[in-house]
Amino acid sequence: MKLIRRISLFLVLSGIMLLAGGYTALKAERFFYPNRYQTKETRIQEKQQQSAIDGEMKEQVIETAVGSIPVVNADTTYLVEEVDLINGTVHETQESVPVKYIGLDREGLLEELDSYDRNPPLTELERGFETIELTAFSKDRVVICKYYKQPEEDKGFYLMVADHFIVVYREDKQTLYMNTDILLESLNEKLQTEIMQGKYVETEEELYHFLESYSS
């Protein structure tokens, strides 16, 4: 009888130890592999939370990138430099930012200036407009450079003599404008004297009228 009790007690203790070992092993596995025992709903909720966090981070990155790109605004200092290519002078003025430039980044402004360069206003062409370029750009300061080359006004000419023939010089008496086939001796004495001293002709129209009158 005592033997039977001992065997029963041994079996009970063995069962208790087995259950305790299994429970301990299960707790350890849950600790080291928590995702294996998550319910489907829990995993879905966690994925949704992670997606929301990732979305917020992406939006913040995009907003930061956009905010870092300088654009022209109404408070931007807008300077225009006008360069005279003939005299080499530069005249700088500060103007209000053109409305169509507000909100543009560097690339957008370059496109607008390229369009202006290809189709300048008539008033600019009359001033001898050559080209335009962007020389400085930031959200605080923009510098535009315009180049002008004023067309030379019609100036007078001088009729002079070279090897018995009439030659035409520009007003500086140094730059040869043209040679002619008009002999000095073919002109009357008064005109010969004027030309030998350097006869001034005020306009190109007057010059060509003279040449047509005395050319052979």
C-alpha atoms as a PDB file:
ATOM      1  CA  MET A   1       0.000   0.000   0.000  1.00  0.00           C
ATOM      2  CA  LYS A   2       2.817   2.358   0.897  1.00  0.00           C
ATOM      3  CA  LEU A   3       4.470   1.501  -2.390  1.00  0.00           C
ATOM      4  CA  ILE A   4       1.376   2.496  -4.342  1.00  0.00           C
ATOM      5  CA  ARG A   5       1.208   5.835  -2.516  1.00  0.00           C
ATOM      6  CA  ARG A   6       4.831   6.540  -3.260  1.00  0.00           C
ATOM      7  CA  ILE A   7       4.332   5.763  -6.931  1.00  0.00           C
ATOM      8  CA  SER A   8       1.243   7.986  -7.078  1.00  0.00           C
ATOM      9  CA  LEU A   9       3.063  10.838  -5.347  1.00  0.00           C
ATOM     10  CA  PHE A  10       5.985  10.458  -7.784  1.00  0.00           C
ATOM     11  CA  LEU A  11       3.658  10.607 -10.761  1.00  0.00           C
ATOM     12  CA  VAL A  12       1.889  13.695  -9.417  1.00  0.00           C
ATOM     13  CA  LEU A  13       5.158  15.494  -8.763  1.00  0.00           C
ATOM     14  CA  SER A  14       6.425  14.515 -12.226  1.00  0.00           C
ATOM     15  CA  GLY A  15       3.252  15.892 -13.795  1.00  0.00           C
ATOM     16  CA  ILE A  16       3.541  19.137 -11.845  1.00  0.00           C
ATOM     17  CA  MET A  17       7.197  19.551 -12.855  1.00  0.00           C
ATOM     18  CA  LEU A  18       6.329  18.810 -16.489  1.00  0.00           C
ATOM     19  CA  LEU A  19       3.574  21.410 -16.491  1.00  0.00           C
ATOM     20  CA  ALA A  20       5.840  23.973 -14.794  1.00  0.00           C
ATOM     21  CA  GLY A  21       8.601  23.339 -17.349  1.00  0.00           C
ATOM     22  CA  GLY A  22       6.204  23.680 -20.271  1.00  0.00           C
ATOM     23  CA  TYR A  23       4.754  26.927 -18.897  1.00  0.00           C
ATOM     24  CA  THR A  24       8.225  28.349 -18.342  1.00  0.00           C
ATOM     25  CA  ALA A  25       9.269  27.405 -21.880  1.00  0.00           C
ATOM     26  CA  LEU A  26       6.130  29.025 -23.316  1.00  0.00           C
ATOM     27  CA  LYS A  27       6.747  32.275 -21.401  1.00  0.00           C
ATOM     28  CA  ALA A  28      10.344  32.343 -22.577  1.00  0.00           C
ATOM     29  CA  GLU A  29       9.315  31.818 -26.201  1.00  0.00           C
ATOM     30  CA  ARG A  30       6.716  34.608 -25.938  1.00  0.00           C
ATOM     31  CA  PHE A  31       9.414  36.898 -24.551  1.00  0.00           C
ATOM     32  CA  PHE A  32      11.972  36.192 -27.264  1.00  0.00           C
ATOM     33  CA  TYR A  33       9.479  35.847 -30.203  1.00  0.00           C
ATOM     34  CA  PRO A  34       6.621  38.213 -29.380  1.00  0.00           C
ATOM     35  CA  ASN A  35       5.427  38.624 -32.985  1.00  0.00           C
ATOM     36  CA  ARG A  36       4.761  34.877 -33.271  1.00  0.00           C
ATOM     37  CA  TYR A  37       1.927  35.107 -30.764  1.00  0.00           C
ATOM     38  CA  GLN A  38       0.362  38.420 -31.828  1.00  0.00           C
ATOM     39  CA  THR A  39      -3.223  38.230 -32.967  1.00  0.00           C
ATOM     40  CA  LYS A  40      -4.090  39.192 -36.537  1.00  0.00           C
ATOM     41  CA  GLU A  41      -5.903  42.332 -35.350  1.00  0.00           C
ATOM     42  CA  THR A  42      -2.926  43.415 -33.255  1.00  0.00           C
ATOM     43  CA  ARG A  43      -0.563  43.056 -36.204  1.00  0.00           C
ATOM     44  CA  ILE A  44      -2.928  45.035 -38.463  1.00  0.00           C
ATOM     45  CA  GLN A  45      -3.168  47.825 -35.893  1.00  0.00           C
ATOM     46  CA  GLU A  46       0.597  48.017 -35.544  1.00  0.00           C
ATOM     47  CA  LYS A  47       1.054  48.124 -39.323  1.00  0.00           C
ATOM     48  CA  GLN A  48      -1.504  50.939 -39.599  1.00  0.00           C
ATOM     49  CA  GLN A  49       0.255  52.879 -36.848  1.00  0.00           C
ATOM     50  CA  GLN A  50       3.638  52.409 -38.555  1.00  0.00           C
ATOM     51  CA  SER A  51       2.201  53.497 -41.930  1.00  0.00           C
ATOM     52  CA  ALA A  52       0.788  56.650 -40.348  1.00  0.00           C
ATOM     53  CA  ILE A  53       4.163  57.443 -38.776  1.00  0.00           C
ATOM     54  CA  ASP A  54       5.966  56.860 -42.095  1.00  0.00           C
ATOM     55  CA  GLY A  55       3.456  59.108 -43.883  1.00  0.00           C
ATOM     56  CA  GLU A  56       3.982  61.942 -41.408  1.00  0.00           C
ATOM     57  CA  MET A  57       7.751  61.622 -41.758  1.00  0.00           C
ATOM     58  CA  LYS A  58       7.521  61.768 -45.572  1.00  0.00           C
ATOM     59  CA  GLU A  59       5.308  64.859 -45.413  1.00  0.00           C
ATOM     60  CA  GLN A  60       7.777  66.537 -43.072  1.00  0.00           C
ATOM     61  CA  VAL A  61      10.676  65.706 -45.429  1.00  0.00           C
ATOM     62  CA  ILE A  62       8.771  67.111 -48.430  1.00  0.00           C
ATOM     63  CA  GLU A  63       7.769  70.274 -46.564  1.00  0.00           C
ATOM     64  CA  THR A  64      11.361  70.777 -45.431  1.00  0.00           C
ATOM     65  CA  ALA A  65      12.691  70.315 -48.974  1.00  0.00           C
ATOM     66  CA  VAL A  66      10.171  72.761 -50.421  1.00  0.00           C
ATOM     67  CA  GLY A  67      10.821  75.275 -47.695  1.00  0.00           C
ATOM     68  CA  SER A  68      14.556  75.182 -48.417  1.00  0.00           C
ATOM     69  CA  ILE A  69      14.138  76.229 -52.092  1.00  0.00           C
ATOM     70  CA  PRO A  70      14.479  80.041 -52.337  1.00  0.00           C
ATOM     71  CA  VAL A  71      11.788  81.823 -54.326  1.00  0.00           C
ATOM     72  CA  VAL A  72      11.183  85.443 -55.244  1.00  0.00           C
ATOM     73  CA  ASN A  73       8.710  87.221 -52.991  1.00  0.00           C
ATOM     74  CA  ALA A  74       7.319  90.727 -52.655  1.00  0.00           C
ATOM     75  CA  ASP A  75      10.014  91.648 -50.114  1.00  0.00           C
ATOM     76  CA  THR A  76      12.925  90.492 -52.291  1.00  0.00           C
ATOM     77  CA  THR A  77      15.349  93.302 -53.170  1.00  0.00           C
ATOM     78  CA  TYR A  78      15.177  93.584 -56.964  1.00  0.00           C
ATOM     79  CA  LEU A  79      18.153  95.313 -58.598  1.00  0.00           C
ATOM     80  CA  VAL A  80      18.542  96.074 -62.303  1.00  0.00           C
ATOM     81  CA  GLU A  81      21.974  96.849 -63.731  1.00  0.00           C
ATOM     82  CA  GLU A  82      22.088  98.525 -67.142  1.00  0.00           C
ATOM     83  CA  VAL A  83      25.414  98.107 -68.927  1.00  0.00           C
ATOM     84  CA  ASP A  84      26.354 100.386 -71.829  1.00  0.00           C
ATOM     85  CA  LEU A  85      28.546  98.242 -74.060  1.00  0.00           C
ATOM     86  CA  ILE A  86      29.807 101.261 -75.990  1.00  0.00           C
ATOM     87  CA  ASN A  87      30.940 103.395 -73.052  1.00  0.00           C
ATOM     88  CA  GLY A  88      31.470 100.575 -70.549  1.00  0.00           C
ATOM     89  CA  THR A  89      29.292 102.284 -67.920  1.00  0.00           C
ATOM     90  CA  VAL A  90      26.967 100.552 -65.456  1.00  0.00           C
ATOM     91  CA  HIS A  91      23.834 102.116 -64.008  1.00  0.00           C
ATOM     92  CA  GLU A  92      22.125 100.294 -61.116  1.00  0.00           C
ATOM     93  CA  THR A  93      18.569 100.906 -59.914  1.00  0.00           C
ATOM     94  CA  GLN A  94      16.316  99.219 -57.370  1.00  0.00           C
ATOM     95  CA  GLU A  95      12.841  98.459 -58.662  1.00  0.00           C
ATOM     96  CA  SER A  96       9.690  96.741 -57.437  1.00  0.00           C
ATOM     97  CA  VAL A  97       9.614  93.032 -58.134  1.00  0.00           C
ATOM     98  CA  PRO A  98       7.502  92.378 -61.267  1.00  0.00           C
ATOM     99  CA  VAL A  99       4.335  90.567 -60.214  1.00  0.00           C
ATOM    100  CA  LYS A 100       4.938  87.738 -62.687  1.00  0.00           C
ATOM    101  CA  TYR A 101       8.275  86.968 -60.996  1.00  0.00           C
ATOM    102  CA  ILE A 102       6.817  86.501 -57.490  1.00  0.00           C
ATOM    103  CA  GLY A 103       6.820  82.851 -56.410  1.00  0.00           C
ATOM    104  CA  LEU A 104       9.422  81.773 -58.970  1.00  0.00           C
ATOM    105  CA  ASP A 105      12.521  79.821 -58.046  1.00  0.00           C
ATOM    106  CA  ARG A 106      15.835  80.276 -59.881  1.00  0.00           C
ATOM    107  CA  GLU A 107      14.907  77.995 -62.782  1.00  0.00           C
ATOM    108  CA  GLY A 108      11.519  79.635 -63.230  1.00  0.00           C
ATOM    109  CA  LEU A 109      13.064  83.104 -63.255  1.00  0.00           C
ATOM    110  CA  LEU A 110      15.678  82.029 -65.814  1.00  0.00           C
ATOM    111  CA  GLU A 111      12.883  80.830 -68.095  1.00  0.00           C
ATOM    112  CA  GLU A 112      11.107  84.191 -67.801  1.00  0.00           C
ATOM    113  CA  LEU A 113      14.317  86.076 -68.577  1.00  0.00           C
ATOM    114  CA  ASP A 114      14.976  83.840 -71.571  1.00  0.00           C
ATOM    115  CA  SER A 115      11.520  84.686 -72.899  1.00  0.00           C
ATOM    116  CA  TYR A 116      12.221  88.393 -72.331  1.00  0.00           C
ATOM    117  CA  ASP A 117      15.537  88.082 -74.141  1.00  0.00           C
ATOM    118  CA  ARG A 118      13.908  86.489 -77.184  1.00  0.00           C
ATOM    119  CA  ASN A 119      11.013  88.968 -77.308  1.00  0.00           C
ATOM    120  CA  PRO A 120      12.108  92.273 -75.747  1.00  0.00           C
ATOM    121  CA  PRO A 121       9.658  95.212 -75.672  1.00  0.00           C
ATOM    122  CA  LEU A 122       9.897  97.735 -78.491  1.00  0.00           C
ATOM    123  CA  THR A 123      11.010 100.409 -76.028  1.00  0.00           C
ATOM    124  CA  GLU A 124      14.007  98.241 -75.126  1.00  0.00           C
ATOM    125  CA  LEU A 125      14.929  97.687 -78.766  1.00  0.00           C
ATOM    126  CA  GLU A 126      14.841 101.428 -79.352  1.00  0.00           C
ATOM    127  CA  ARG A 127      17.371 101.819 -76.551  1.00  0.00           C
ATOM    128  CA  GLY A 128      19.701  99.300 -78.195  1.00  0.00           C
ATOM    129  CA  PHE A 129      18.845  96.278 -76.025  1.00  0.00           C
ATOM    130  CA  GLU A 130      21.254  93.380 -76.616  1.00  0.00           C
ATOM    131  CA  THR A 131      20.611  90.725 -73.956  1.00  0.00           C
ATOM    132  CA  ILE A 132      19.664  90.088 -70.320  1.00  0.00           C
ATOM    133  CA  GLU A 133      21.049  87.765 -67.644  1.00  0.00           C
ATOM    134  CA  LEU A 134      20.575  86.790 -64.008  1.00  0.00           C
ATOM    135  CA  THR A 135      23.719  87.602 -62.007  1.00  0.00           C
ATOM    136  CA  ALA A 136      22.528  86.959 -58.425  1.00  0.00           C
ATOM    137  CA  PHE A 137      19.614  85.030 -56.920  1.00  0.00           C
ATOM    138  CA  SER A 138      18.340  84.422 -53.394  1.00  0.00           C
ATOM    139  CA  LYS A 139      15.037  84.934 -51.597  1.00  0.00           C
ATOM    140  CA  ASP A 140      16.415  88.206 -50.231  1.00  0.00           C
ATOM    141  CA  ARG A 141      18.155  89.655 -53.318  1.00  0.00           C
ATOM    142  CA  VAL A 142      17.891  89.301 -57.075  1.00  0.00           C
ATOM    143  CA  VAL A 143      20.145  91.097 -59.559  1.00  0.00           C
ATOM    144  CA  ILE A 144      19.238  91.353 -63.244  1.00  0.00           C
ATOM    145  CA  CYS A 145      21.766  92.675 -65.756  1.00  0.00           C
ATOM    146  CA  LYS A 146      20.655  94.240 -69.046  1.00  0.00           C
ATOM    147  CA  TYR A 147      23.111  95.025 -71.816  1.00  0.00           C
ATOM    148  CA  TYR A 148      22.615  97.867 -74.287  1.00  0.00           C
ATOM    149  CA  LYS A 149      24.462  98.949 -77.379  1.00  0.00           C
ATOM    150  CA  GLN A 150      23.184 102.265 -78.575  1.00  0.00           C
ATOM    151  CA  PRO A 151      23.167 102.473 -82.361  1.00  0.00           C
ATOM    152  CA  GLU A 152      25.564 105.121 -83.571  1.00  0.00           C
ATOM    153  CA  GLU A 153      23.871 108.250 -84.758  1.00  0.00           C
ATOM    154  CA  ASP A 154      24.524 109.345 -88.303  1.00  0.00           C
ATOM    155  CA  LYS A 155      27.531 111.616 -88.213  1.00  0.00           C
ATOM    156  CA  GLY A 156      29.072 113.833 -90.829  1.00  0.00           C
ATOM    157  CA  PHE A 157      31.771 113.094 -93.383  1.00  0.00           C
ATOM    158  CA  TYR A 158      34.773 114.866 -94.861  1.00  0.00           C
ATOM    159  CA  LEU A 159      35.636 114.968 -98.561  1.00  0.00           C
ATOM    160  CA  MET A 160      39.415 114.901 -98.954  1.00  0.00           C
ATOM    161  CA  VAL A 161      42.057 114.140-101.586  1.00  0.00           C
ATOM    162  CA  ALA A 162      44.336 111.116-102.022  1.00  0.00           C
ATOM    163  CA  ASP A 163      46.412 110.605-105.171  1.00  0.00           C
ATOM    164  CA  HIS A 164      44.285 113.178-107.062  1.00  0.00           C
ATOM    165  CA  PHE A 165      41.067 111.311-106.304  1.00  0.00           C
ATOM    166  CA  ILE A 166      38.286 112.293-103.896  1.00  0.00           C
ATOM    167  CA  VAL A 167      38.066 110.095-100.804  1.00  0.00           C
ATOM    168  CA  VAL A 168      35.490 110.155 -98.021  1.00  0.00           C
ATOM    169  CA  TYR A 169      36.449 110.002 -94.331  1.00  0.00           C
ATOM    170  CA  ARG A 170      34.218 109.806 -91.313  1.00  0.00           C
ATOM    171  CA  GLU A 171      33.868 112.754 -88.985  1.00  0.00           C
ATOM    172  CA  ASP A 172      37.062 111.891 -87.094  1.00  0.00           C
ATOM    173  CA  LYS A 173      39.085 112.420 -90.326  1.00  0.00           C
ATOM    174  CA  GLN A 174      40.922 109.175 -89.491  1.00  0.00           C
ATOM    175  CA  THR A 175      38.479 106.467 -90.545  1.00  0.00           C
ATOM    176  CA  LEU A 176      38.187 105.913 -94.288  1.00  0.00           C
ATOM    177  CA  TYR A 177      34.570 105.579 -95.342  1.00  0.00           C
ATOM    178  CA  MET A 178      35.019 105.080 -99.105  1.00  0.00           C
ATOM    179  CA  ASN A 179      37.157 105.749-102.158  1.00  0.00           C
ATOM    180  CA  THR A 180      35.686 107.360-105.273  1.00  0.00           C
ATOM    181  CA  ASP A 181      36.633 107.627-108.934  1.00  0.00           C
ATOM    182  CA  ILE A 182      36.170 111.407-108.943  1.00  0.00           C
ATOM    183  CA  LEU A 183      39.326 113.282-109.976  1.00  0.00           C
ATOM    184  CA  LEU A 184      40.037 116.492-108.112  1.00  0.00           C
ATOM    185  CA  GLU A 185      40.908 118.227-111.402  1.00  0.00           C
ATOM    186  CA  SER A 186      37.417 117.500-112.754  1.00  0.00           C
ATOM    187  CA  LEU A 187      35.871 119.876-110.207  1.00  0.00           C
ATOM    188  CA  ASN A 188      35.719 123.661-110.350  1.00  0.00           C
ATOM    189  CA  GLU A 189      38.453 125.601-108.597  1.00  0.00           C
ATOM    190  CA  LYS A 190      36.313 126.673-105.655  1.00  0.00           C
ATOM    191  CA  LEU A 191      35.220 123.100-104.925  1.00  0.00           C
ATOM    192  CA  GLN A 192      38.799 121.875-105.343  1.00  0.00           C
ATOM    193  CA  THR A 193      39.981 124.362-102.726  1.00  0.00           C
ATOM    194  CA  GLU A 194      37.216 123.301-100.284  1.00  0.00           C
ATOM    195  CA  ILE A 195      38.034 119.615-100.704  1.00  0.00           C
ATOM    196  CA  MET A 196      41.784 120.123-100.307  1.00  0.00           C
ATOM    197  CA  GLN A 197      41.050 121.886 -97.029  1.00  0.00           C
ATOM    198  CA  GLY A 198      38.570 119.146 -96.083  1.00  0.00           C
ATOM    199  CA  LYS A 199      34.978 119.727 -97.154  1.00  0.00           C
ATOM    200  CA  TYR A 200      32.424 118.775 -94.473  1.00  0.00           C
ATOM    201  CA  VAL A 201      29.266 116.941 -95.545  1.00  0.00           C
ATOM    202  CA  GLU A 202      26.666 116.800 -92.800  1.00  0.00           C
ATOM    203  CA  THR A 203      24.570 113.761 -93.734  1.00  0.00           C
ATOM    204  CA  GLU A 204      24.867 110.542 -95.665  1.00  0.00           C
ATOM    205  CA  GLU A 205      22.074 111.713 -97.961  1.00  0.00           C
ATOM    206  CA  GLU A 206      24.026 114.874 -98.823  1.00  0.00           C
ATOM    207  CA  LEU A 207      27.164 112.805 -99.411  1.00  0.00           C
ATOM    208  CA  TYR A 208      25.507 110.477-101.908  1.00  0.00           C
ATOM    209  CA  HIS A 209      23.915 113.403-103.682  1.00  0.00           C
ATOM    210  CA  PHE A 210      27.376 114.925-104.185  1.00  0.00           C
ATOM    211  CA  LEU A 211      28.869 111.659-105.425  1.00  0.00           C
ATOM    212  CA  GLU A 212      26.061 111.115-107.903  1.00  0.00           C
ATOM    213  CA  SER A 213      26.462 114.639-109.216  1.00  0.00           C
ATOM    214  CA  TYR A 214      30.212 114.406-109.903  1.00  0.00           C
ATOM    215  CA  SER A 215      30.804 110.764-110.656  1.00  0.00           C
ATOM    216  CA  SER A 216      31.779 110.015-114.263  1.00  0.00           C
END
